[in-house]
N, C-alpha and C. Protein backbone atom coordinates (compact mmCIF):
# COMPACT_ATOMS: atom_id res chain seq x y z
N MET A 1 72.09 37.21 93.48
CA MET A 1 73.50 37.63 93.14
C MET A 1 74.08 36.47 92.58
N LYS A 2 73.96 35.22 93.13
CA LYS A 2 74.54 34.09 92.65
C LYS A 2 74.28 33.79 91.22
N LYS A 3 72.87 34.01 90.84
CA LYS A 3 72.38 33.79 89.39
C LYS A 3 73.16 34.79 88.46
N VAL A 4 73.35 35.92 88.87
CA VAL A 4 73.98 36.95 88.03
C VAL A 4 75.39 36.62 87.78
N PHE A 5 76.19 36.08 88.83
CA PHE A 5 77.53 35.70 88.71
C PHE A 5 77.64 34.49 87.71
N ILE A 6 76.77 33.60 87.97
CA ILE A 6 76.76 32.34 87.07
C ILE A 6 76.55 32.80 85.63
N LEU A 7 75.58 33.60 85.43
CA LEU A 7 75.18 34.11 83.98
C LEU A 7 76.35 34.81 83.40
N VAL A 8 77.13 35.74 84.17
CA VAL A 8 78.30 36.38 83.61
C VAL A 8 79.44 35.38 83.32
N PHE A 9 79.64 34.43 84.14
CA PHE A 9 80.61 33.40 83.88
C PHE A 9 80.37 32.67 82.65
N VAL A 10 79.16 32.19 82.48
CA VAL A 10 78.77 31.48 81.28
C VAL A 10 78.99 32.21 80.01
N LEU A 11 78.50 33.54 79.98
CA LEU A 11 78.67 34.38 78.88
C LEU A 11 80.16 34.63 78.59
N ALA A 12 80.91 34.87 79.61
CA ALA A 12 82.43 35.09 79.40
C ALA A 12 83.05 33.90 78.80
N ALA A 13 82.70 32.72 79.21
CA ALA A 13 83.21 31.54 78.67
C ALA A 13 82.84 31.23 77.23
N SER A 14 81.53 31.71 76.94
CA SER A 14 81.09 31.58 75.51
C SER A 14 81.85 32.60 74.65
N PHE A 15 82.04 33.81 75.10
CA PHE A 15 82.80 34.76 74.35
C PHE A 15 84.25 34.26 74.08
N ALA A 16 84.84 33.67 75.00
CA ALA A 16 86.22 33.29 74.90
C ALA A 16 86.35 32.11 73.88
N ASN A 17 85.32 31.28 73.78
CA ASN A 17 85.42 30.15 72.93
C ASN A 17 84.80 30.38 71.46
N ALA A 18 84.41 31.51 71.08
CA ALA A 18 83.76 31.76 69.89
C ALA A 18 84.80 31.71 68.73
N GLN A 19 84.49 31.00 67.59
CA GLN A 19 85.34 30.93 66.49
C GLN A 19 84.41 30.96 65.30
N ALA A 20 84.95 31.79 64.26
CA ALA A 20 84.26 32.08 63.12
C ALA A 20 84.18 30.97 62.06
N PHE A 21 85.30 30.27 61.84
CA PHE A 21 85.32 29.18 60.91
C PHE A 21 86.41 28.14 61.41
N LYS A 22 85.93 26.87 61.72
CA LYS A 22 86.90 26.00 62.21
C LYS A 22 87.47 24.97 61.19
N GLY A 23 86.75 24.87 60.01
CA GLY A 23 87.21 24.04 59.04
C GLY A 23 86.32 22.88 58.66
N LYS A 24 86.95 21.67 58.41
CA LYS A 24 86.07 20.55 58.03
C LYS A 24 85.06 20.15 59.02
N GLY A 25 83.87 20.05 58.51
CA GLY A 25 82.75 19.68 59.45
C GLY A 25 82.05 20.93 60.02
N ASP A 26 82.50 22.04 59.87
CA ASP A 26 81.91 23.28 60.33
C ASP A 26 80.72 23.57 59.50
N VAL A 27 79.54 23.95 60.13
CA VAL A 27 78.32 24.38 59.48
C VAL A 27 77.80 25.69 60.04
N LYS A 28 77.72 26.70 59.03
CA LYS A 28 77.17 27.95 59.34
C LYS A 28 75.76 28.08 58.58
N PHE A 29 74.86 28.67 59.41
CA PHE A 29 73.57 29.09 58.85
C PHE A 29 73.34 30.53 59.09
N GLN A 30 73.01 31.29 58.02
CA GLN A 30 72.80 32.71 58.22
C GLN A 30 71.43 33.07 57.62
N VAL A 31 70.81 34.06 58.23
CA VAL A 31 69.49 34.54 57.91
C VAL A 31 69.44 36.16 57.91
N GLY A 32 69.02 36.74 56.87
CA GLY A 32 69.04 38.16 56.99
C GLY A 32 68.30 39.01 55.97
N ALA A 33 68.41 40.15 55.86
CA ALA A 33 67.64 41.06 54.98
C ALA A 33 68.61 41.22 53.75
N THR A 34 67.82 41.34 52.49
CA THR A 34 68.53 41.56 51.33
C THR A 34 68.03 42.83 50.79
N PHE A 35 68.93 43.66 50.16
CA PHE A 35 68.58 44.88 49.54
C PHE A 35 69.17 44.95 48.12
N GLN A 36 68.36 45.39 47.18
CA GLN A 36 68.65 45.54 45.84
C GLN A 36 67.87 46.61 45.12
N GLU A 37 68.21 47.03 44.05
CA GLU A 37 67.41 48.01 43.29
C GLU A 37 65.94 47.60 43.02
N HIS A 38 65.14 48.40 43.55
CA HIS A 38 63.64 48.21 43.44
C HIS A 38 63.04 47.15 44.31
N ALA A 39 63.86 46.60 45.22
CA ALA A 39 63.24 45.43 46.08
C ALA A 39 64.10 45.21 47.32
N THR A 40 63.39 44.61 48.29
CA THR A 40 64.03 44.10 49.58
C THR A 40 63.49 42.84 49.84
N GLY A 41 64.12 42.07 50.59
CA GLY A 41 63.58 40.72 50.91
C GLY A 41 64.47 40.08 52.06
N ILE A 42 64.31 38.69 52.16
CA ILE A 42 64.95 37.87 53.08
C ILE A 42 65.79 36.83 52.40
N GLY A 43 66.96 36.56 53.01
CA GLY A 43 67.83 35.58 52.40
C GLY A 43 68.45 34.66 53.53
N THR A 44 68.72 33.44 53.11
CA THR A 44 69.27 32.38 53.99
C THR A 44 70.41 31.81 53.22
N THR A 45 71.53 31.35 54.02
CA THR A 45 72.59 30.66 53.48
C THR A 45 73.07 29.52 54.50
N ALA A 46 73.42 28.46 53.91
CA ALA A 46 73.95 27.41 54.70
C ALA A 46 75.41 27.05 54.20
N ASP A 47 76.48 27.06 54.88
CA ASP A 47 77.82 26.71 54.47
C ASP A 47 78.27 25.59 55.16
N PHE A 48 79.02 24.60 54.49
CA PHE A 48 79.49 23.38 55.14
C PHE A 48 80.99 23.37 54.90
N GLY A 49 81.79 23.31 55.93
CA GLY A 49 83.31 23.32 55.75
C GLY A 49 83.72 21.97 55.30
N VAL A 50 84.63 22.05 54.19
CA VAL A 50 85.20 20.70 53.74
C VAL A 50 86.66 20.69 53.88
N GLY A 51 87.33 21.73 54.24
CA GLY A 51 88.82 21.82 54.35
C GLY A 51 89.03 23.02 55.34
N GLU A 52 90.43 23.15 55.59
CA GLU A 52 90.76 24.20 56.58
C GLU A 52 90.25 25.58 56.19
N ASN A 53 90.10 25.93 54.88
CA ASN A 53 89.71 27.28 54.47
C ASN A 53 88.71 27.11 53.26
N ILE A 54 88.04 25.99 53.11
CA ILE A 54 87.09 25.85 51.96
C ILE A 54 85.78 25.41 52.60
N SER A 55 84.67 26.13 51.94
CA SER A 55 83.38 25.49 52.31
C SER A 55 82.47 25.76 51.06
N TYR A 56 81.39 24.98 50.97
CA TYR A 56 80.44 25.02 49.98
C TYR A 56 79.10 25.14 50.69
N GLY A 57 78.07 25.58 49.94
CA GLY A 57 76.78 25.76 50.55
C GLY A 57 75.70 26.14 49.61
N PHE A 58 74.63 26.57 50.05
CA PHE A 58 73.33 26.92 49.30
C PHE A 58 72.87 28.27 49.82
N ALA A 59 72.32 29.04 48.87
CA ALA A 59 71.69 30.22 49.33
C ALA A 59 70.29 30.43 48.68
N VAL A 60 69.31 30.89 49.40
CA VAL A 60 67.97 31.01 48.88
C VAL A 60 67.54 32.44 49.33
N SER A 61 66.86 33.14 48.46
CA SER A 61 66.27 34.51 48.74
C SER A 61 64.96 34.60 48.20
N TYR A 62 64.13 35.42 48.79
CA TYR A 62 62.79 35.75 48.36
C TYR A 62 62.42 37.24 48.61
N LEU A 63 62.11 37.94 47.61
CA LEU A 63 61.86 39.32 47.68
C LEU A 63 60.49 39.62 48.23
N LEU A 64 60.34 40.32 49.35
CA LEU A 64 59.12 40.59 50.06
C LEU A 64 58.47 41.93 49.45
N ASN A 65 59.24 42.93 49.34
CA ASN A 65 58.76 44.24 48.98
C ASN A 65 59.47 44.64 47.70
N THR A 66 58.52 44.91 46.76
CA THR A 66 59.02 45.42 45.37
C THR A 66 58.39 46.68 45.09
N THR A 67 58.85 47.62 44.36
CA THR A 67 58.29 48.64 43.91
C THR A 67 57.36 48.43 42.74
N ASN A 68 56.39 49.09 42.46
CA ASN A 68 55.38 48.88 41.43
C ASN A 68 55.82 49.44 40.09
N ILE A 69 57.12 49.61 39.82
CA ILE A 69 57.56 50.26 38.58
C ILE A 69 57.22 49.26 37.36
N TYR A 70 57.17 47.95 37.65
CA TYR A 70 56.88 47.00 36.58
C TYR A 70 55.56 46.12 36.71
N GLY A 71 54.70 46.61 37.71
CA GLY A 71 53.51 45.83 38.03
C GLY A 71 53.78 44.88 39.17
N THR A 72 52.94 43.81 39.27
CA THR A 72 53.04 42.94 40.34
C THR A 72 53.79 41.74 40.00
N PRO A 73 54.90 41.34 40.72
CA PRO A 73 55.70 40.29 40.23
C PRO A 73 55.08 38.92 40.71
N LYS A 74 55.30 37.87 39.96
CA LYS A 74 54.98 36.46 40.40
C LYS A 74 55.97 35.86 41.34
N PHE A 75 55.64 34.77 41.85
CA PHE A 75 56.58 33.99 42.79
C PHE A 75 57.88 33.76 42.30
N ASP A 76 57.92 33.34 41.00
CA ASP A 76 59.22 32.93 40.29
C ASP A 76 60.11 34.17 40.03
N ASP A 77 59.46 35.38 39.99
CA ASP A 77 60.13 36.52 39.88
C ASP A 77 60.87 37.03 41.17
N ARG A 78 60.32 36.57 42.27
CA ARG A 78 60.76 36.96 43.55
C ARG A 78 61.76 35.97 44.13
N PHE A 79 61.79 34.73 43.66
CA PHE A 79 62.63 33.66 44.28
C PHE A 79 63.88 33.42 43.54
N ASP A 80 64.96 33.08 44.31
CA ASP A 80 66.14 32.67 43.72
C ASP A 80 66.93 31.65 44.64
N ALA A 81 67.58 30.73 44.08
CA ALA A 81 68.36 29.78 44.75
C ALA A 81 69.75 29.60 44.14
N LYS A 82 70.82 29.43 44.82
CA LYS A 82 72.14 29.21 44.38
C LYS A 82 72.94 28.30 45.09
N ALA A 83 73.86 27.66 44.34
CA ALA A 83 74.93 26.80 45.02
C ALA A 83 76.12 27.77 45.11
N ARG A 84 76.87 27.66 46.25
CA ARG A 84 78.04 28.51 46.43
C ARG A 84 79.21 27.82 46.98
N PHE A 85 80.42 28.46 46.64
CA PHE A 85 81.64 27.94 47.03
C PHE A 85 82.39 29.24 47.74
N ASN A 86 83.06 28.99 48.91
CA ASN A 86 83.65 29.94 49.58
C ASN A 86 85.12 29.59 50.01
N ALA A 87 85.96 30.72 50.01
CA ALA A 87 87.31 30.66 50.58
C ALA A 87 87.32 31.37 51.80
N ASN A 88 87.39 30.53 52.98
CA ASN A 88 87.19 31.20 54.31
C ASN A 88 88.71 31.65 54.79
N ILE A 89 88.99 33.00 54.63
CA ILE A 89 90.37 33.33 54.89
C ILE A 89 90.45 34.25 56.17
N GLY A 90 89.60 34.19 57.08
CA GLY A 90 89.67 34.95 58.32
C GLY A 90 90.96 34.42 59.06
N ASN A 91 91.18 33.05 59.23
CA ASN A 91 92.42 32.65 59.93
C ASN A 91 93.69 32.97 59.23
N VAL A 92 93.64 33.15 57.92
CA VAL A 92 94.77 33.59 57.14
C VAL A 92 95.21 34.95 57.39
N LEU A 93 94.20 35.81 57.51
CA LEU A 93 94.34 37.26 57.77
C LEU A 93 94.78 37.49 59.31
N ASN A 94 94.45 36.51 60.16
CA ASN A 94 94.67 36.55 61.60
C ASN A 94 94.32 37.76 62.32
N ILE A 95 93.11 38.20 62.02
CA ILE A 95 92.55 39.44 62.66
C ILE A 95 92.07 39.02 64.00
N SER A 96 91.23 37.88 64.06
CA SER A 96 90.56 37.44 65.30
C SER A 96 89.98 36.08 65.03
N ASP A 97 89.99 35.14 66.10
CA ASP A 97 89.34 33.86 65.94
C ASP A 97 87.89 34.05 65.72
N LYS A 98 87.30 35.09 66.12
CA LYS A 98 85.92 35.37 66.01
C LYS A 98 85.51 35.92 64.57
N PHE A 99 86.40 36.38 63.82
CA PHE A 99 86.16 36.94 62.63
C PHE A 99 86.43 36.06 61.28
N ASP A 100 85.51 36.11 60.37
CA ASP A 100 85.91 35.33 59.00
C ASP A 100 85.52 36.25 57.84
N LEU A 101 86.38 36.25 56.94
CA LEU A 101 86.19 36.88 55.61
C LEU A 101 86.18 35.84 54.60
N TYR A 102 85.08 35.85 53.80
CA TYR A 102 84.89 34.73 52.76
C TYR A 102 84.51 35.24 51.37
N PRO A 103 85.49 35.42 50.48
CA PRO A 103 85.02 35.55 49.16
C PRO A 103 84.53 34.27 48.53
N GLY A 104 83.78 34.33 47.53
CA GLY A 104 83.27 33.14 46.82
C GLY A 104 82.58 33.38 45.64
N LEU A 105 82.19 32.19 44.98
CA LEU A 105 81.48 32.19 43.71
C LEU A 105 80.17 31.48 43.87
N ASP A 106 79.18 31.78 43.15
CA ASP A 106 77.86 31.20 43.22
C ASP A 106 77.21 30.99 41.91
N LEU A 107 76.40 29.97 41.79
CA LEU A 107 75.75 29.55 40.48
C LEU A 107 74.35 29.48 40.82
N GLY A 108 73.47 30.29 40.36
CA GLY A 108 72.04 30.35 40.69
C GLY A 108 71.11 30.13 39.52
N LEU A 109 69.90 30.38 39.78
CA LEU A 109 68.88 30.16 38.79
C LEU A 109 68.88 31.28 37.72
N ARG A 110 69.46 32.40 37.97
CA ARG A 110 69.42 33.49 37.15
C ARG A 110 70.83 33.95 36.64
N ASN A 111 71.99 33.54 37.28
CA ASN A 111 73.25 34.01 36.90
C ASN A 111 74.38 33.16 37.65
N PHE A 112 75.61 33.49 37.20
CA PHE A 112 76.78 33.03 37.70
C PHE A 112 77.34 34.20 38.36
N GLY A 113 77.67 34.24 39.64
CA GLY A 113 78.08 35.46 40.26
C GLY A 113 79.21 35.32 41.29
N ALA A 114 79.58 36.38 42.00
CA ALA A 114 80.65 36.33 42.93
C ALA A 114 80.09 37.07 44.28
N HIS A 115 80.62 36.68 45.41
CA HIS A 115 80.19 37.40 46.59
C HIS A 115 81.38 37.41 47.55
N ILE A 116 81.29 38.49 48.52
CA ILE A 116 82.26 38.61 49.40
C ILE A 116 81.43 38.90 50.79
N GLY A 117 81.82 38.22 51.82
CA GLY A 117 81.18 38.41 53.10
C GLY A 117 82.06 38.42 54.27
N ALA A 118 81.61 38.87 55.33
CA ALA A 118 82.27 38.98 56.62
C ALA A 118 81.29 38.47 57.68
N ARG A 119 81.76 37.76 58.66
CA ARG A 119 80.97 37.37 59.80
C ARG A 119 81.89 37.53 61.08
N TYR A 120 81.15 37.94 62.09
CA TYR A 120 81.80 38.02 63.45
C TYR A 120 81.01 37.32 64.51
N PHE A 121 81.53 36.37 65.24
CA PHE A 121 80.78 35.60 66.27
C PHE A 121 81.02 36.09 67.64
N PHE A 122 79.95 36.44 68.39
CA PHE A 122 80.05 36.89 69.75
C PHE A 122 80.22 35.68 70.63
N THR A 123 79.61 34.56 70.30
CA THR A 123 79.66 33.43 71.11
C THR A 123 80.07 32.20 70.16
N SER A 124 80.19 31.13 70.54
CA SER A 124 80.58 29.96 69.65
C SER A 124 79.37 29.66 68.80
N GLY A 125 78.18 30.10 69.00
CA GLY A 125 77.06 29.73 68.26
C GLY A 125 76.28 30.89 67.54
N PHE A 126 76.56 32.15 67.88
CA PHE A 126 75.78 33.23 67.43
C PHE A 126 76.81 34.48 66.96
N GLY A 127 76.35 35.08 65.84
CA GLY A 127 77.13 36.18 65.38
C GLY A 127 76.32 37.04 64.37
N ILE A 128 77.04 37.83 63.78
CA ILE A 128 76.33 38.79 62.70
C ILE A 128 77.22 38.63 61.42
N TYR A 129 76.59 39.03 60.27
CA TYR A 129 77.30 38.81 59.05
C TYR A 129 76.70 39.97 58.05
N THR A 130 77.59 40.25 57.08
CA THR A 130 77.19 41.09 55.90
C THR A 130 77.81 40.44 54.79
N GLU A 131 77.15 40.59 53.61
CA GLU A 131 77.57 40.00 52.34
C GLU A 131 77.09 40.86 51.18
N ALA A 132 77.97 41.01 50.22
CA ALA A 132 77.60 41.71 49.04
C ALA A 132 77.86 40.79 47.89
N GLY A 133 76.97 40.74 46.87
CA GLY A 133 77.01 39.91 45.68
C GLY A 133 76.76 40.56 44.49
N VAL A 134 77.42 40.17 43.31
CA VAL A 134 77.25 40.72 41.98
C VAL A 134 77.27 39.69 40.89
N PRO A 135 76.53 39.79 39.84
CA PRO A 135 76.53 38.82 38.79
C PRO A 135 77.60 39.01 37.91
N LEU A 136 78.29 37.85 37.58
CA LEU A 136 79.42 37.92 36.53
C LEU A 136 78.94 37.61 35.16
N ALA A 137 78.05 36.64 35.03
CA ALA A 137 77.45 36.25 33.75
C ALA A 137 75.95 36.03 33.94
N LYS A 138 75.11 36.81 33.30
CA LYS A 138 73.67 36.67 33.48
C LYS A 138 73.20 35.77 32.41
N PHE A 139 72.16 34.76 32.78
CA PHE A 139 71.69 33.85 31.91
C PHE A 139 70.83 34.59 30.89
N ASN A 140 70.18 35.74 31.17
CA ASN A 140 69.51 36.51 30.06
C ASN A 140 70.13 37.92 30.15
N PRO A 141 71.13 38.16 29.34
CA PRO A 141 71.76 39.47 29.30
C PRO A 141 70.90 40.64 29.08
N ASP A 142 69.71 40.36 28.33
CA ASP A 142 68.90 41.52 27.95
C ASP A 142 67.62 41.59 28.82
N ALA A 143 67.86 41.10 30.04
CA ALA A 143 66.73 41.16 31.01
C ALA A 143 66.12 42.49 31.28
N ILE A 144 64.85 42.64 31.24
CA ILE A 144 64.19 43.79 31.58
C ILE A 144 63.08 43.50 32.53
N GLY A 145 62.58 44.56 33.25
CA GLY A 145 61.61 44.29 34.29
C GLY A 145 61.92 43.44 35.39
N TYR A 146 61.00 42.52 35.77
CA TYR A 146 61.32 41.62 36.96
C TYR A 146 62.30 40.63 36.63
N ASP A 147 62.68 40.41 35.38
CA ASP A 147 63.78 39.50 35.12
C ASP A 147 65.15 40.05 35.71
N ARG A 148 65.22 41.32 35.97
CA ARG A 148 66.40 41.92 36.66
C ARG A 148 66.49 41.63 38.14
N PHE A 149 65.24 41.19 38.72
CA PHE A 149 65.38 40.92 40.07
C PHE A 149 66.25 39.72 40.40
N ASN A 150 66.93 39.59 41.46
CA ASN A 150 67.86 38.62 41.81
C ASN A 150 68.92 38.55 40.66
N ASN A 151 69.20 39.57 39.91
CA ASN A 151 70.21 39.43 38.77
C ASN A 151 70.94 40.81 38.83
N GLN A 152 71.30 41.31 39.98
CA GLN A 152 71.93 42.57 40.09
C GLN A 152 72.76 42.67 41.47
N PHE A 153 73.35 43.74 41.67
CA PHE A 153 74.10 43.90 43.01
C PHE A 153 73.08 43.75 44.12
N VAL A 154 73.58 42.88 45.15
CA VAL A 154 72.72 42.59 46.29
C VAL A 154 73.53 42.75 47.57
N LEU A 155 72.92 43.45 48.49
CA LEU A 155 73.60 43.59 49.88
C LEU A 155 72.74 42.93 50.92
N GLN A 156 73.43 42.05 51.73
CA GLN A 156 72.71 41.35 52.89
C GLN A 156 73.32 41.66 54.17
N PHE A 157 72.52 41.63 55.19
CA PHE A 157 73.13 41.57 56.56
C PHE A 157 72.19 40.89 57.47
N GLY A 158 72.70 40.14 58.53
CA GLY A 158 71.77 39.56 59.44
C GLY A 158 72.56 38.73 60.58
N ALA A 159 71.84 37.61 60.95
CA ALA A 159 72.40 36.76 62.11
C ALA A 159 73.08 35.59 61.40
N SER A 160 74.11 35.23 62.14
CA SER A 160 74.79 33.99 61.67
C SER A 160 74.86 33.01 62.90
N PHE A 161 74.57 31.71 62.61
CA PHE A 161 74.58 30.75 63.57
C PHE A 161 75.62 29.56 63.14
N ASN A 162 76.27 29.11 64.22
CA ASN A 162 77.22 27.97 63.93
C ASN A 162 76.58 26.78 64.50
N LEU A 163 76.23 25.85 63.66
CA LEU A 163 75.51 24.61 64.08
C LEU A 163 76.60 23.51 64.31
């Protein structure tokens, strides 16, 4: 019984101290599933806080499952990497210290785009997130076949970690 009480106390303290975005020096790492037309995959992001509401980071995605509509894709058709910039406005909206909403811009290997995401932390180190991204300017506007992969609307969701 004593172990159960200690576990409940530790979990309660963790939930009470959870914060979605602290500002400068804050580091968030996310990993999750990506979904887009004719493909699904895995994506990771790392965001580094540089101000009270500003962060920059990197995103990498790899498509694991593709439909055979265009044949078999090569590695470079499945892979994408981006540099990103976020405006973390969760504390501006004042919904909860555990919630963060972050619109942003990204520059990748295939396009210049925008994204909007939300994350909720259950503890100070673990939470969930969802993010949607769209290309604003494609590097190849006449892309066909696998050139369209990683160059269209993308939806992600998964786990978020506060490092």
